[in-house]
Amino acid sequence: MSWKPLMSKAEAEEYTKDSYYSSRDFYHGTDAENLAGLISAGARLESESVNSYGDGFYLAFSKQTGIDYANQADRPALVLAKVRVRQPKKFADSIDFESFLGENDIPADDFQSKAVTELLIAQGFDAVEIGGNRILVIIFDRRQIAIYKVTEL
């Protein structure tokens, strides 16, 4: 099955059936304007500013976390998706991630985002999972996300 930005739930399940997270749904809170881009062209992965965990598209395990992010927008919207991930790099929490930065001599500056993503890809990872209060997964390629439901809140 080939990728497309918006799928039916059955298509999304088929597309991600061999994923590390095949049985899990993910949530992304956004605004209605960004939502239109997501369902027409797919996720935008590049950071406009330093993102702690690298360039990629952020998804939450928790629906409430997605709603909380969405509610920061003027016209909140929620995305429901499956992801196609083979090997995520897992961090217990932000402290574990900060240790990883230090061990790899990655400074917390404007280049951190791309450096983290490039290093993880070179190490064979295709996503990041950050544990803690709000568990997030960050994917590295727009074709990893299978969006199957969108809702304006």
N, C-alpha and C. Protein backbone atom coordinates (compact mmCIF):
# COMPACT_ATOMS: atom_id res chain seq x y z
N MET A 1 0.84 -1.18 0.00
CA MET A 1 0.00 0.00 0.00
C MET A 1 0.89 1.24 0.00
N SER A 2 0.56 2.20 -0.81
CA SER A 2 1.36 3.42 -0.88
C SER A 2 0.83 4.47 0.09
N TRP A 3 1.70 5.38 0.47
CA TRP A 3 1.37 6.43 1.42
C TRP A 3 0.56 7.53 0.76
N LYS A 4 -0.34 8.12 1.52
CA LYS A 4 -1.02 9.35 1.14
C LYS A 4 -1.30 10.12 2.43
N PRO A 5 -1.44 11.44 2.35
CA PRO A 5 -1.54 12.24 3.58
C PRO A 5 -2.75 11.92 4.46
N LEU A 6 -3.87 11.56 3.86
CA LEU A 6 -5.07 11.22 4.62
C LEU A 6 -5.58 9.87 4.14
N MET A 7 -5.79 8.97 5.10
CA MET A 7 -6.23 7.61 4.79
C MET A 7 -7.51 7.31 5.55
N SER A 8 -8.16 6.22 5.16
CA SER A 8 -9.24 5.69 5.99
C SER A 8 -8.59 4.97 7.17
N LYS A 9 -9.36 4.65 8.19
CA LYS A 9 -8.79 3.94 9.33
C LYS A 9 -8.26 2.57 8.89
N ALA A 10 -8.99 1.87 8.03
CA ALA A 10 -8.55 0.56 7.55
C ALA A 10 -7.24 0.68 6.77
N GLU A 11 -7.12 1.71 5.93
CA GLU A 11 -5.88 1.93 5.19
C GLU A 11 -4.72 2.23 6.14
N ALA A 12 -4.98 3.06 7.15
CA ALA A 12 -3.93 3.41 8.12
C ALA A 12 -3.47 2.18 8.88
N GLU A 13 -4.40 1.34 9.28
CA GLU A 13 -4.04 0.11 9.99
C GLU A 13 -3.23 -0.83 9.10
N GLU A 14 -3.61 -0.96 7.86
CA GLU A 14 -2.86 -1.80 6.92
C GLU A 14 -1.47 -1.24 6.68
N TYR A 15 -1.39 0.07 6.49
CA TYR A 15 -0.12 0.73 6.20
C TYR A 15 0.88 0.59 7.36
N THR A 16 0.37 0.54 8.58
CA THR A 16 1.24 0.51 9.77
C THR A 16 1.24 -0.85 10.47
N LYS A 17 0.76 -1.87 9.83
CA LYS A 17 0.61 -3.17 10.51
C LYS A 17 1.92 -3.77 11.01
N ASP A 18 3.04 -3.43 10.38
CA ASP A 18 4.34 -3.95 10.81
C ASP A 18 5.11 -2.96 11.68
N SER A 19 4.45 -1.92 12.11
CA SER A 19 5.08 -0.88 12.91
C SER A 19 5.32 -1.35 14.35
N TYR A 20 6.35 -0.80 14.95
CA TYR A 20 6.60 -1.01 16.37
C TYR A 20 5.37 -0.62 17.19
N TYR A 21 4.65 0.40 16.71
CA TYR A 21 3.47 0.93 17.40
C TYR A 21 2.17 0.53 16.71
N SER A 22 2.11 -0.60 16.07
CA SER A 22 0.95 -0.95 15.25
C SER A 22 -0.39 -0.91 15.99
N SER A 23 -0.40 -1.21 17.27
CA SER A 23 -1.67 -1.25 18.01
C SER A 23 -2.04 0.08 18.67
N ARG A 24 -1.23 1.11 18.48
CA ARG A 24 -1.43 2.37 19.19
C ARG A 24 -1.94 3.47 18.25
N ASP A 25 -2.85 4.28 18.78
CA ASP A 25 -3.29 5.50 18.09
C ASP A 25 -2.49 6.67 18.65
N PHE A 26 -2.28 7.68 17.83
CA PHE A 26 -1.54 8.88 18.22
C PHE A 26 -2.37 10.11 17.94
N TYR A 27 -2.04 11.19 18.68
CA TYR A 27 -2.78 12.45 18.58
C TYR A 27 -1.81 13.60 18.34
N HIS A 28 -2.26 14.54 17.52
CA HIS A 28 -1.48 15.75 17.26
C HIS A 28 -2.42 16.93 17.31
N GLY A 29 -2.15 17.86 18.22
CA GLY A 29 -2.95 19.08 18.31
C GLY A 29 -2.36 20.16 17.43
N THR A 30 -3.20 20.83 16.68
CA THR A 30 -2.73 21.86 15.77
C THR A 30 -3.83 22.91 15.60
N ASP A 31 -3.70 23.75 14.58
CA ASP A 31 -4.77 24.69 14.26
C ASP A 31 -5.33 24.35 12.89
N ALA A 32 -6.48 24.90 12.58
CA ALA A 32 -7.18 24.54 11.35
C ALA A 32 -6.34 24.83 10.11
N GLU A 33 -5.56 25.90 10.11
CA GLU A 33 -4.73 26.22 8.95
C GLU A 33 -3.66 25.15 8.73
N ASN A 34 -2.97 24.75 9.79
CA ASN A 34 -1.97 23.68 9.66
C ASN A 34 -2.61 22.36 9.28
N LEU A 35 -3.81 22.14 9.79
CA LEU A 35 -4.53 20.91 9.48
C LEU A 35 -4.74 20.76 7.98
N ALA A 36 -5.09 21.84 7.31
CA ALA A 36 -5.31 21.80 5.86
C ALA A 36 -4.04 21.35 5.14
N GLY A 37 -2.89 21.85 5.56
CA GLY A 37 -1.63 21.44 4.96
C GLY A 37 -1.30 19.98 5.24
N LEU A 38 -1.59 19.54 6.45
CA LEU A 38 -1.32 18.15 6.83
C LEU A 38 -2.07 17.17 5.94
N ILE A 39 -3.35 17.44 5.72
CA ILE A 39 -4.16 16.47 4.98
C ILE A 39 -4.01 16.62 3.47
N SER A 40 -3.37 17.70 3.01
CA SER A 40 -3.14 17.82 1.57
C SER A 40 -1.73 17.41 1.16
N ALA A 41 -0.74 17.69 2.00
CA ALA A 41 0.65 17.43 1.62
C ALA A 41 1.43 16.57 2.62
N GLY A 42 0.90 16.38 3.80
CA GLY A 42 1.61 15.62 4.82
C GLY A 42 2.32 16.52 5.80
N ALA A 43 2.95 15.91 6.77
CA ALA A 43 3.58 16.63 7.88
C ALA A 43 4.78 17.45 7.41
N ARG A 44 4.93 18.62 7.97
CA ARG A 44 6.12 19.44 7.77
C ARG A 44 7.08 19.07 8.90
N LEU A 45 8.30 18.69 8.56
CA LEU A 45 9.21 18.12 9.55
C LEU A 45 10.29 19.07 10.04
N GLU A 46 10.59 20.10 9.31
CA GLU A 46 11.68 20.99 9.68
C GLU A 46 11.26 21.95 10.77
N SER A 47 12.18 22.19 11.69
CA SER A 47 11.93 23.12 12.79
C SER A 47 12.09 24.56 12.32
N GLU A 48 11.28 25.44 12.87
CA GLU A 48 11.48 26.86 12.65
C GLU A 48 12.35 27.44 13.75
N SER A 49 12.47 26.72 14.83
CA SER A 49 13.31 27.13 15.95
C SER A 49 13.89 25.86 16.56
N VAL A 50 14.70 26.02 17.58
CA VAL A 50 15.29 24.85 18.22
C VAL A 50 14.19 24.03 18.89
N ASN A 51 14.10 22.79 18.50
CA ASN A 51 13.21 21.85 19.17
C ASN A 51 14.10 20.93 19.98
N SER A 52 13.78 20.75 21.20
CA SER A 52 14.63 19.98 22.09
C SER A 52 14.99 18.62 21.55
N TYR A 53 14.04 17.94 20.91
CA TYR A 53 14.26 16.55 20.58
C TYR A 53 14.55 16.30 19.10
N GLY A 54 14.79 17.32 18.34
CA GLY A 54 15.17 17.13 16.94
C GLY A 54 14.06 17.47 15.96
N ASP A 55 14.45 17.60 14.71
CA ASP A 55 13.47 17.84 13.66
C ASP A 55 12.59 16.61 13.51
N GLY A 56 11.34 16.84 13.25
CA GLY A 56 10.40 15.75 13.07
C GLY A 56 9.01 16.19 13.40
N PHE A 57 8.09 15.27 13.34
CA PHE A 57 6.67 15.56 13.58
C PHE A 57 6.27 14.92 14.89
N TYR A 58 5.74 15.72 15.77
CA TYR A 58 5.45 15.30 17.13
C TYR A 58 4.03 14.74 17.25
N LEU A 59 3.92 13.60 17.91
CA LEU A 59 2.63 12.97 18.17
C LEU A 59 2.59 12.53 19.63
N ALA A 60 1.42 12.62 20.23
CA ALA A 60 1.25 12.26 21.64
C ALA A 60 0.55 10.92 21.77
N PHE A 61 0.90 10.19 22.82
CA PHE A 61 0.19 8.96 23.16
C PHE A 61 -1.21 9.27 23.67
N SER A 62 -1.36 10.39 24.34
CA SER A 62 -2.59 10.75 25.03
C SER A 62 -3.45 11.73 24.22
N LYS A 63 -4.73 11.41 24.11
CA LYS A 63 -5.66 12.32 23.42
C LYS A 63 -5.70 13.67 24.13
N GLN A 64 -5.69 13.66 25.46
CA GLN A 64 -5.75 14.92 26.20
C GLN A 64 -4.54 15.79 25.93
N THR A 65 -3.36 15.18 25.78
CA THR A 65 -2.17 15.95 25.43
C THR A 65 -2.35 16.62 24.07
N GLY A 66 -2.87 15.87 23.10
CA GLY A 66 -3.15 16.45 21.79
C GLY A 66 -4.13 17.61 21.88
N ILE A 67 -5.17 17.44 22.66
CA ILE A 67 -6.16 18.51 22.85
C ILE A 67 -5.53 19.72 23.52
N ASP A 68 -4.68 19.49 24.52
CA ASP A 68 -4.01 20.59 25.21
C ASP A 68 -3.17 21.42 24.23
N TYR A 69 -2.43 20.75 23.35
CA TYR A 69 -1.65 21.47 22.33
C TYR A 69 -2.57 22.20 21.35
N ALA A 70 -3.64 21.53 20.93
CA ALA A 70 -4.58 22.15 19.99
C ALA A 70 -5.20 23.41 20.56
N ASN A 71 -5.51 23.38 21.84
CA ASN A 71 -6.19 24.52 22.47
C ASN A 71 -5.30 25.76 22.60
N GLN A 72 -4.05 25.66 22.22
CA GLN A 72 -3.18 26.83 22.18
C GLN A 72 -3.40 27.63 20.89
N ALA A 73 -4.16 27.08 19.95
CA ALA A 73 -4.41 27.73 18.66
C ALA A 73 -5.73 28.50 18.69
N ASP A 74 -5.86 29.45 17.78
CA ASP A 74 -7.12 30.20 17.65
C ASP A 74 -8.25 29.30 17.17
N ARG A 75 -7.94 28.44 16.22
CA ARG A 75 -8.92 27.48 15.70
C ARG A 75 -8.36 26.08 15.91
N PRO A 76 -8.54 25.50 17.10
CA PRO A 76 -7.91 24.23 17.42
C PRO A 76 -8.44 23.06 16.58
N ALA A 77 -7.53 22.14 16.30
CA ALA A 77 -7.87 20.93 15.55
C ALA A 77 -7.06 19.77 16.11
N LEU A 78 -7.63 18.59 16.00
CA LEU A 78 -6.98 17.38 16.50
C LEU A 78 -6.86 16.37 15.38
N VAL A 79 -5.67 15.78 15.28
CA VAL A 79 -5.37 14.76 14.28
C VAL A 79 -5.27 13.42 15.00
N LEU A 80 -5.87 12.41 14.43
CA LEU A 80 -5.76 11.04 14.94
C LEU A 80 -5.02 10.23 13.87
N ALA A 81 -3.98 9.51 14.29
CA ALA A 81 -3.12 8.84 13.31
C ALA A 81 -2.53 7.54 13.86
N LYS A 82 -2.00 6.77 12.94
CA LYS A 82 -1.15 5.63 13.22
C LYS A 82 0.23 6.02 12.71
N VAL A 83 1.28 5.37 13.21
CA VAL A 83 2.61 5.66 12.70
C VAL A 83 3.31 4.38 12.25
N ARG A 84 4.16 4.56 11.27
CA ARG A 84 4.94 3.45 10.70
C ARG A 84 6.39 3.64 11.16
N VAL A 85 6.73 2.99 12.25
CA VAL A 85 8.05 3.12 12.85
C VAL A 85 8.62 1.73 13.06
N ARG A 86 9.86 1.55 12.67
CA ARG A 86 10.52 0.24 12.84
C ARG A 86 11.39 0.21 14.10
N GLN A 87 12.15 1.30 14.31
CA GLN A 87 13.09 1.31 15.44
C GLN A 87 13.16 2.69 16.08
N PRO A 88 12.35 2.91 17.12
CA PRO A 88 12.42 4.20 17.82
C PRO A 88 13.59 4.22 18.82
N LYS A 89 14.19 5.37 18.98
CA LYS A 89 15.17 5.58 20.06
C LYS A 89 14.35 6.04 21.25
N LYS A 90 14.42 5.28 22.34
CA LYS A 90 13.60 5.58 23.51
C LYS A 90 14.41 6.26 24.59
N PHE A 91 13.85 7.35 25.11
CA PHE A 91 14.42 8.06 26.25
C PHE A 91 13.40 8.01 27.37
N ALA A 92 13.86 7.74 28.59
CA ALA A 92 12.95 7.64 29.73
C ALA A 92 12.24 8.96 30.00
N ASP A 93 12.98 10.06 29.80
CA ASP A 93 12.42 11.38 30.07
C ASP A 93 13.38 12.43 29.51
N SER A 94 13.11 13.71 29.77
CA SER A 94 13.95 14.78 29.22
C SER A 94 15.36 14.76 29.81
N ILE A 95 15.52 14.29 31.03
CA ILE A 95 16.85 14.22 31.65
C ILE A 95 17.70 13.18 30.91
N ASP A 96 17.09 12.04 30.60
CA ASP A 96 17.77 11.00 29.83
C ASP A 96 18.20 11.55 28.47
N PHE A 97 17.31 12.32 27.84
CA PHE A 97 17.64 12.92 26.55
C PHE A 97 18.80 13.92 26.67
N GLU A 98 18.78 14.76 27.69
CA GLU A 98 19.86 15.73 27.90
C GLU A 98 21.20 15.02 28.10
N SER A 99 21.20 13.89 28.77
CA SER A 99 22.42 13.10 28.93
C SER A 99 22.93 12.63 27.57
N PHE A 100 22.01 12.21 26.70
CA PHE A 100 22.36 11.79 25.34
C PHE A 100 23.04 12.94 24.58
N LEU A 101 22.51 14.14 24.71
CA LEU A 101 23.12 15.30 24.05
C LEU A 101 24.56 15.49 24.52
N GLY A 102 24.75 15.46 25.83
CA GLY A 102 26.08 15.63 26.40
C GLY A 102 27.05 14.55 25.95
N GLU A 103 26.60 13.31 25.95
CA GLU A 103 27.45 12.18 25.55
C GLU A 103 27.87 12.28 24.09
N ASN A 104 27.07 12.97 23.29
CA ASN A 104 27.35 13.08 21.85
C ASN A 104 27.82 14.47 21.45
N ASP A 105 28.19 15.28 22.43
CA ASP A 105 28.72 16.62 22.18
C ASP A 105 27.81 17.46 21.30
N ILE A 106 26.51 17.37 21.54
CA ILE A 106 25.55 18.18 20.79
C ILE A 106 25.15 19.35 21.68
N PRO A 107 25.53 20.57 21.30
CA PRO A 107 25.21 21.74 22.13
C PRO A 107 23.74 22.14 21.98
N ALA A 108 23.20 22.75 23.00
CA ALA A 108 21.82 23.26 22.96
C ALA A 108 21.83 24.62 22.28
N ASP A 109 21.83 24.61 20.96
CA ASP A 109 21.84 25.86 20.20
C ASP A 109 20.98 25.71 18.95
N ASP A 110 21.10 26.63 18.02
CA ASP A 110 20.26 26.63 16.83
C ASP A 110 20.46 25.42 15.93
N PHE A 111 21.56 24.70 16.07
CA PHE A 111 21.83 23.55 15.22
C PHE A 111 21.47 22.23 15.89
N GLN A 112 21.07 22.28 17.15
CA GLN A 112 20.78 21.06 17.89
C GLN A 112 19.73 20.21 17.19
N SER A 113 18.67 20.82 16.74
CA SER A 113 17.55 20.09 16.19
C SER A 113 17.99 19.18 15.05
N LYS A 114 18.67 19.72 14.07
CA LYS A 114 19.12 18.93 12.92
C LYS A 114 20.20 17.93 13.33
N ALA A 115 21.09 18.32 14.23
CA ALA A 115 22.16 17.42 14.66
C ALA A 115 21.61 16.18 15.34
N VAL A 116 20.61 16.35 16.18
CA VAL A 116 20.00 15.21 16.88
C VAL A 116 19.38 14.26 15.87
N THR A 117 18.56 14.80 14.97
CA THR A 117 17.90 13.96 13.98
C THR A 117 18.90 13.23 13.09
N GLU A 118 19.90 13.95 12.60
CA GLU A 118 20.91 13.32 11.73
C GLU A 118 21.66 12.21 12.45
N LEU A 119 22.03 12.44 13.72
CA LEU A 119 22.74 11.41 14.48
C LEU A 119 21.88 10.17 14.67
N LEU A 120 20.64 10.35 15.05
CA LEU A 120 19.76 9.21 15.28
C LEU A 120 19.50 8.42 14.00
N ILE A 121 19.32 9.11 12.90
CA ILE A 121 19.13 8.41 11.62
C ILE A 121 20.39 7.62 11.28
N ALA A 122 21.56 8.22 11.48
CA ALA A 122 22.82 7.53 11.21
C ALA A 122 22.98 6.29 12.09
N GLN A 123 22.40 6.32 13.28
CA GLN A 123 22.46 5.18 14.20
C GLN A 123 21.39 4.13 13.91
N GLY A 124 20.56 4.37 12.90
CA GLY A 124 19.55 3.40 12.50
C GLY A 124 18.18 3.59 13.09
N PHE A 125 17.94 4.70 13.75
CA PHE A 125 16.63 4.96 14.34
C PHE A 125 15.76 5.74 13.36
N ASP A 126 14.45 5.53 13.43
CA ASP A 126 13.54 6.26 12.55
C ASP A 126 12.50 7.07 13.31
N ALA A 127 12.68 7.18 14.62
CA ALA A 127 11.78 7.97 15.46
C ALA A 127 12.40 8.10 16.85
N VAL A 128 11.82 8.99 17.63
CA VAL A 128 12.24 9.19 19.02
C VAL A 128 11.00 9.05 19.90
N GLU A 129 11.16 8.36 21.01
CA GLU A 129 10.09 8.32 22.02
C GLU A 129 10.64 8.95 23.29
N ILE A 130 9.92 9.94 23.79
CA ILE A 130 10.30 10.62 25.03
C ILE A 130 9.26 10.29 26.09
N GLY A 131 9.69 9.65 27.15
CA GLY A 131 8.79 9.32 28.24
C GLY A 131 8.63 10.49 29.19
N GLY A 132 7.95 10.27 30.28
CA GLY A 132 7.71 11.32 31.26
C GLY A 132 6.23 11.59 31.39
N ASN A 133 5.89 12.81 31.81
CA ASN A 133 4.49 13.15 32.01
C ASN A 133 3.67 13.13 30.73
N ARG A 134 4.24 13.61 29.65
CA ARG A 134 3.56 13.63 28.35
C ARG A 134 4.41 12.83 27.37
N ILE A 135 4.05 11.60 27.16
CA ILE A 135 4.85 10.76 26.27
C ILE A 135 4.62 11.20 24.83
N LEU A 136 5.72 11.44 24.14
CA LEU A 136 5.67 11.89 22.76
C LEU A 136 6.49 10.97 21.88
N VAL A 137 6.09 10.86 20.63
CA VAL A 137 6.89 10.21 19.60
C VAL A 137 7.13 11.23 18.51
N ILE A 138 8.35 11.29 18.04
CA ILE A 138 8.72 12.21 16.98
C ILE A 138 9.17 11.36 15.80
N ILE A 139 8.48 11.51 14.67
CA ILE A 139 8.85 10.76 13.47
C ILE A 139 9.72 11.62 12.58
N PHE A 140 10.52 10.99 11.73
CA PHE A 140 11.51 11.69 10.91
C PHE A 140 11.12 11.84 9.44
N ASP A 141 10.07 11.17 9.00
CA ASP A 141 9.68 11.19 7.60
C ASP A 141 8.16 11.29 7.52
N ARG A 142 7.65 12.19 6.71
CA ARG A 142 6.19 12.40 6.63
C ARG A 142 5.45 11.13 6.24
N ARG A 143 6.11 10.23 5.51
CA ARG A 143 5.44 8.99 5.09
C ARG A 143 5.28 8.00 6.24
N GLN A 144 5.80 8.34 7.41
CA GLN A 144 5.61 7.48 8.58
C GLN A 144 4.26 7.71 9.26
N ILE A 145 3.59 8.80 8.94
CA ILE A 145 2.34 9.11 9.62
C ILE A 145 1.16 8.80 8.71
N ALA A 146 0.23 8.04 9.26
CA ALA A 146 -0.99 7.67 8.55
C ALA A 146 -2.17 8.35 9.26
N ILE A 147 -2.50 9.54 8.82
CA ILE A 147 -3.62 10.29 9.41
C ILE A 147 -4.92 9.67 8.91
N TYR A 148 -5.83 9.41 9.86
CA TYR A 148 -7.11 8.82 9.43
C TYR A 148 -8.34 9.54 9.99
N LYS A 149 -8.12 10.52 10.85
CA LYS A 149 -9.28 11.28 11.33
C LYS A 149 -8.78 12.67 11.74
N VAL A 150 -9.54 13.68 11.37
CA VAL A 150 -9.22 15.06 11.75
C VAL A 150 -10.51 15.70 12.26
N THR A 151 -10.34 16.51 13.31
CA THR A 151 -11.49 17.14 13.93
C THR A 151 -11.14 18.56 14.32
N GLU A 152 -11.96 19.51 13.93
CA GLU A 152 -11.80 20.87 14.48
C GLU A 152 -12.53 20.88 15.81
N LEU A 153 -11.87 21.39 16.83
CA LEU A 153 -12.44 21.38 18.19
C LEU A 153 -13.27 22.62 18.46
